[in-house]
Amino acid sequence: MINKKLAISILIIVGIIACNKVPISGRRQMNLLPESQLMGMSLTQYNQFLGENPPVSEQIEDTKLIKKVGNKIARAVEKYMKDNGMGNQISGYKWEFNLVDQKVINAWCMPGGKVVVYTGILPVTQSEAGLAVVMGHEIAHAIARHGNERMSQGIVAAAGAAGLAISLKEKPAETQQLFLSAYGVTTGVGMLAYGRNHESEADKLGMVFMAMAGYQPSEAIPFWERMKAASGGGGTPEFLSTHPSHDTRIERIKEWLPTAESYFVKAVD
């Protein structure tokens, strides 16, 4: 016979799943964790990371450009969310964009809009529009609450629905590690297909978000072609990667481009 507390937990989970949708895509998702709690963890981890990896000076042109593009897209997205009755989903968000001097082709975003871009990706972005592809993609992860969804999946898989509260209160170290993994600060091979789905969704939403800010979304195609070239044309096999293969990614971007361009037309009219 099912334990009463477990049954209640399952009902709560079902209710949450039924009530959460990703903006633009409309995909239903499972977000079991309070976003406010994740934003608190985010602030702590973000400040710790920057303390260990001092950001590049705000006087440097690359830093200025990252902040300019990031804030421009964030403002456009916030306006869209508020105009469409979804302003509560970004309540408490405080966007922050920093450049870190590491020769790694990477960028990531934590809950509440805490973004880090590595200098290693700048030779691939090449331009303001190329950078907008990256910033739109990272902002999309935050708006879609992908990290919350990945953490929820991981906690349920490890502890079961009834173990959610226990995981949060009695296993802070494990929860913290799951947090870092979910938001791209660490790497791993868990939940691979799940991660690839998020990456594809972030590509699509990111194109829409950069278009809302007045950037041509078609710039995503040459950007990912440059990413393919930077990886030597191959990269990690798709089945061992949390990201889609470059060719798969480019094809999906081409399929989504007409939708993204419709937002671009509205932005520049």
Protein backbone atom coordinates (compact mmCIF):
# COMPACT_ATOMS: atom_id res chain seq x y z
CA MET A 1 0.00 0.00 0.00
CA ILE A 2 1.32 3.43 -0.91
CA ASN A 3 2.49 5.54 2.01
CA LYS A 4 0.17 8.51 2.54
CA LYS A 5 3.01 11.04 2.51
CA LEU A 6 4.40 9.56 -0.69
CA ALA A 7 0.98 9.71 -2.31
CA ILE A 8 0.62 13.35 -1.36
CA SER A 9 4.08 14.07 -2.72
CA ILE A 10 3.21 12.41 -6.02
CA LEU A 11 0.00 14.43 -6.28
CA ILE A 12 1.92 17.62 -5.65
CA ILE A 13 4.44 16.71 -8.33
CA VAL A 14 1.71 15.94 -10.85
CA GLY A 15 0.10 19.30 -10.06
CA ILE A 16 3.36 21.13 -10.55
CA ILE A 17 4.10 19.36 -13.82
CA ALA A 18 0.67 20.28 -15.16
CA CYS A 19 1.06 23.94 -14.26
CA ASN A 20 4.51 24.75 -15.65
CA LYS A 21 5.17 25.61 -19.27
CA VAL A 22 8.24 27.01 -20.97
CA PRO A 23 7.61 30.44 -22.56
CA ILE A 24 7.52 30.48 -26.38
CA SER A 25 7.87 26.71 -26.82
CA GLY A 26 4.93 25.86 -24.55
CA ARG A 27 6.60 22.62 -23.44
CA ARG A 28 5.40 21.27 -20.09
CA GLN A 29 8.15 20.81 -17.55
CA MET A 30 8.81 19.58 -14.03
CA ASN A 31 10.11 22.29 -11.68
CA LEU A 32 9.93 21.01 -8.11
CA LEU A 33 12.27 23.52 -6.48
CA PRO A 34 11.34 27.03 -5.32
CA GLU A 35 12.97 29.45 -7.78
CA SER A 36 13.66 31.83 -4.89
CA GLN A 37 15.76 29.16 -3.18
CA LEU A 38 17.71 28.51 -6.37
CA MET A 39 18.36 32.23 -6.81
CA GLY A 40 19.77 32.34 -3.28
CA MET A 41 22.08 29.42 -4.07
CA SER A 42 22.95 31.09 -7.36
CA LEU A 43 24.06 34.33 -5.75
CA THR A 44 26.32 32.46 -3.32
CA GLN A 45 27.89 30.27 -5.99
CA TYR A 46 28.22 33.10 -8.50
CA ASN A 47 30.03 35.35 -6.04
CA GLN A 48 32.26 32.46 -4.99
CA PHE A 49 33.14 31.72 -8.61
CA LEU A 50 33.96 35.37 -9.35
CA GLY A 51 36.03 35.54 -6.17
CA GLU A 52 38.14 32.66 -7.44
CA ASN A 53 38.02 33.86 -11.07
CA PRO A 54 38.12 37.69 -11.04
CA PRO A 55 36.12 39.15 -13.95
CA VAL A 56 37.81 41.20 -16.64
CA SER A 57 37.72 44.95 -15.95
CA GLU A 58 34.56 46.80 -16.96
CA GLN A 59 36.80 49.29 -18.78
CA ILE A 60 37.81 46.67 -21.35
CA GLU A 61 35.84 46.90 -24.61
CA ASP A 62 35.00 43.17 -24.65
CA THR A 63 33.44 43.47 -21.19
CA LYS A 64 31.47 46.54 -22.24
CA LEU A 65 30.12 44.69 -25.26
CA ILE A 66 29.07 41.67 -23.22
CA LYS A 67 27.18 43.86 -20.76
CA LYS A 68 25.63 45.88 -23.59
CA VAL A 69 24.36 42.85 -25.51
CA GLY A 70 23.28 40.95 -22.40
CA ASN A 71 21.31 43.83 -20.94
CA LYS A 72 19.75 44.68 -24.30
CA ILE A 73 18.40 41.15 -24.73
CA ALA A 74 17.37 40.88 -21.07
CA ARG A 75 15.33 44.10 -21.30
CA ALA A 76 13.58 42.89 -24.45
CA VAL A 77 12.76 39.55 -22.84
CA GLU A 78 11.49 41.17 -19.64
CA LYS A 79 9.19 43.39 -21.68
CA TYR A 80 7.85 40.38 -23.58
CA MET A 81 7.25 38.43 -20.36
CA LYS A 82 5.43 41.33 -18.69
CA ASP A 83 3.38 42.17 -21.80
CA ASN A 84 2.23 38.55 -22.00
CA GLY A 85 1.25 38.10 -18.37
CA MET A 86 4.35 36.14 -17.38
CA GLY A 87 6.13 38.81 -15.37
CA ASN A 88 5.79 36.76 -12.18
CA GLN A 89 8.06 34.10 -13.70
CA ILE A 90 11.00 36.49 -13.65
CA SER A 91 10.22 38.13 -10.32
CA GLY A 92 13.45 38.74 -8.43
CA TYR A 93 15.68 38.37 -11.48
CA LYS A 94 18.72 40.65 -11.34
CA TRP A 95 20.73 40.27 -14.51
CA GLU A 96 24.50 40.36 -14.25
CA PHE A 97 26.96 39.74 -17.08
CA ASN A 98 30.68 39.18 -16.51
CA LEU A 99 33.66 38.21 -18.66
CA VAL A 100 36.25 35.82 -17.21
CA ASP A 101 39.71 35.44 -18.71
CA GLN A 102 39.86 31.72 -19.44
CA LYS A 103 40.73 30.23 -22.82
CA VAL A 104 37.68 28.01 -22.75
CA ILE A 105 34.94 28.12 -25.37
CA ASN A 106 32.07 28.36 -22.93
CA ALA A 107 29.45 30.51 -21.20
CA TRP A 108 26.80 29.72 -18.58
CA CYS A 109 23.88 31.26 -16.72
CA MET A 110 22.59 30.66 -13.18
CA PRO A 111 19.06 31.32 -11.83
CA GLY A 112 18.06 34.94 -11.58
CA GLY A 113 20.20 35.96 -14.54
CA LYS A 114 23.81 35.48 -13.35
CA VAL A 115 25.85 35.04 -16.54
CA VAL A 116 29.54 34.32 -17.14
CA VAL A 117 31.22 34.43 -20.54
CA TYR A 118 34.75 33.08 -21.04
CA THR A 119 37.23 34.98 -23.22
CA GLY A 120 37.86 31.76 -25.15
CA ILE A 121 34.51 32.05 -26.91
CA LEU A 122 35.11 35.58 -28.26
CA PRO A 123 37.18 34.50 -31.28
CA VAL A 124 34.15 32.40 -32.27
CA THR A 125 31.50 35.08 -31.71
CA GLN A 126 33.59 37.60 -33.73
CA SER A 127 30.91 40.34 -33.69
CA GLU A 128 28.12 41.88 -31.64
CA ALA A 129 25.56 39.76 -33.48
CA GLY A 130 27.61 36.61 -32.87
CA LEU A 131 27.79 37.47 -29.19
CA ALA A 132 24.01 37.98 -29.20
CA VAL A 133 23.63 34.32 -30.20
CA VAL A 134 25.52 33.27 -27.07
CA MET A 135 23.79 35.73 -24.76
CA GLY A 136 20.34 34.86 -26.10
CA HIS A 137 21.07 31.19 -25.57
CA GLU A 138 22.21 31.65 -21.95
CA ILE A 139 19.32 33.98 -21.11
CA ALA A 140 16.99 31.34 -22.57
CA HIS A 141 18.31 28.75 -20.10
CA ALA A 142 17.39 31.09 -17.25
CA ILE A 143 13.95 32.05 -18.58
CA ALA A 144 13.08 28.41 -19.34
CA ARG A 145 14.29 27.33 -15.88
CA HIS A 146 16.24 24.46 -17.38
CA GLY A 147 18.50 24.13 -14.35
CA ASN A 148 15.51 23.79 -12.02
CA GLU A 149 14.15 21.09 -14.28
CA ARG A 150 17.46 19.20 -14.38
CA MET A 151 17.85 19.43 -10.61
CA SER A 152 14.29 18.23 -10.10
CA GLN A 153 14.93 15.28 -12.39
CA GLY A 154 18.15 14.44 -10.58
CA ILE A 155 16.68 14.67 -7.09
CA VAL A 156 13.67 12.53 -7.97
CA ALA A 157 15.90 9.96 -9.67
CA ALA A 158 18.21 9.79 -6.66
CA ALA A 159 15.78 10.05 -3.76
CA GLY A 160 12.27 9.60 -5.11
CA ALA A 161 9.48 12.13 -4.85
CA ALA A 162 9.11 11.73 -1.10
CA GLY A 163 12.84 12.38 -0.64
CA LEU A 164 12.77 15.87 -2.12
CA ALA A 165 12.54 17.73 1.18
CA ILE A 166 15.14 15.45 2.75
CA SER A 167 17.56 16.07 -0.12
CA LEU A 168 17.25 19.81 0.26
CA LYS A 169 17.50 19.95 4.05
CA GLU A 170 19.68 17.00 5.02
CA LYS A 171 22.00 16.68 2.04
CA PRO A 172 23.18 20.24 1.30
CA ALA A 173 26.53 19.13 -0.16
CA GLU A 174 24.90 16.76 -2.65
CA THR A 175 22.28 19.36 -3.53
CA GLN A 176 24.98 21.98 -4.08
CA GLN A 177 26.92 19.68 -6.40
CA LEU A 178 23.74 18.92 -8.33
CA PHE A 179 23.16 22.67 -8.60
CA LEU A 180 26.62 23.28 -10.07
CA SER A 181 26.20 20.47 -12.56
CA ALA A 182 22.71 21.56 -13.59
CA TYR A 183 23.86 25.06 -14.40
CA GLY A 184 26.91 24.14 -16.44
CA VAL A 185 29.58 25.14 -13.92
CA THR A 186 30.79 21.53 -13.81
CA THR A 187 30.63 18.84 -16.46
CA GLY A 188 29.38 15.29 -16.41
CA VAL A 189 27.64 12.67 -18.48
CA GLY A 190 24.39 12.29 -16.52
CA MET A 191 20.96 12.87 -18.06
CA LEU A 192 22.52 13.25 -21.52
CA ALA A 193 19.44 13.20 -23.74
CA TYR A 194 17.68 15.47 -21.28
CA GLY A 195 20.51 18.00 -21.53
CA ARG A 196 20.49 17.90 -25.32
CA ASN A 197 16.77 18.68 -25.34
CA HIS A 198 17.44 21.72 -23.19
CA GLU A 199 20.23 22.87 -25.47
CA SER A 200 17.98 22.66 -28.51
CA GLU A 201 15.23 24.55 -26.73
CA ALA A 202 17.71 27.21 -25.59
CA ASP A 203 18.89 27.57 -29.19
CA LYS A 204 15.33 28.19 -30.36
CA LEU A 205 14.36 30.53 -27.54
CA GLY A 206 17.71 32.29 -27.75
CA MET A 207 17.13 33.10 -31.42
CA VAL A 208 13.73 34.54 -30.57
CA PHE A 209 15.16 36.57 -27.68
CA MET A 210 18.01 38.05 -29.74
CA ALA A 211 15.44 38.85 -32.45
CA MET A 212 13.28 40.68 -29.89
CA ALA A 213 16.31 42.84 -29.12
CA GLY A 214 16.82 43.69 -32.80
CA TYR A 215 19.57 41.19 -33.68
CA GLN A 216 19.19 39.15 -36.86
CA PRO A 217 18.58 35.55 -35.71
CA SER A 218 20.09 34.09 -38.89
CA GLU A 219 23.48 34.97 -37.34
CA ALA A 220 23.07 31.77 -35.32
CA ILE A 221 23.91 29.69 -38.39
CA PRO A 222 27.40 31.10 -39.12
CA PHE A 223 28.11 31.20 -35.39
CA TRP A 224 27.52 27.46 -35.00
CA GLU A 225 29.44 26.79 -38.20
CA ARG A 226 32.39 28.58 -36.59
CA MET A 227 31.86 26.52 -33.43
CA LYS A 228 32.04 23.39 -35.58
CA ALA A 229 35.27 24.60 -37.15
CA ALA A 230 36.71 25.47 -33.72
CA SER A 231 36.12 21.89 -32.59
CA GLY A 232 37.98 20.57 -35.62
CA GLY A 233 34.79 19.82 -37.50
CA GLY A 234 33.86 16.93 -35.24
CA GLY A 235 33.93 17.31 -31.48
CA THR A 236 32.61 14.87 -28.91
CA PRO A 237 30.26 12.23 -30.37
CA GLU A 238 26.65 13.29 -29.81
CA PHE A 239 25.74 10.27 -27.67
CA LEU A 240 28.50 11.23 -25.18
CA SER A 241 27.70 14.92 -25.12
CA THR A 242 25.14 17.04 -23.29
CA HIS A 243 24.98 19.18 -26.43
CA PRO A 244 23.57 18.27 -29.86
CA SER A 245 26.13 17.63 -32.58
CA HIS A 246 27.00 20.77 -34.53
CA ASP A 247 25.31 19.46 -37.70
CA THR A 248 22.14 18.53 -35.81
CA ARG A 249 22.13 21.90 -34.12
CA ILE A 250 22.51 23.84 -37.37
CA GLU A 251 19.71 21.88 -39.06
CA ARG A 252 17.32 22.54 -36.17
CA ILE A 253 18.25 26.22 -36.18
CA LYS A 254 17.43 26.45 -39.90
CA GLU A 255 14.04 24.83 -39.23
CA TRP A 256 13.29 27.32 -36.43
CA LEU A 257 14.61 30.40 -38.27
CA PRO A 258 11.28 31.52 -39.85
CA THR A 259 9.67 31.62 -36.40
CA ALA A 260 12.56 33.62 -34.92
CA GLU A 261 12.60 36.01 -37.88
CA SER A 262 8.92 36.82 -37.30
CA TYR A 263 9.94 38.31 -33.94
CA PHE A 264 12.80 40.20 -35.59
CA VAL A 265 10.38 41.82 -38.05
CA LYS A 266 8.21 43.01 -35.15
CA ALA A 267 11.24 44.39 -33.31
CA VAL A 268 12.54 46.47 -36.20
CA ASP A 269 9.16 47.76 -37.46
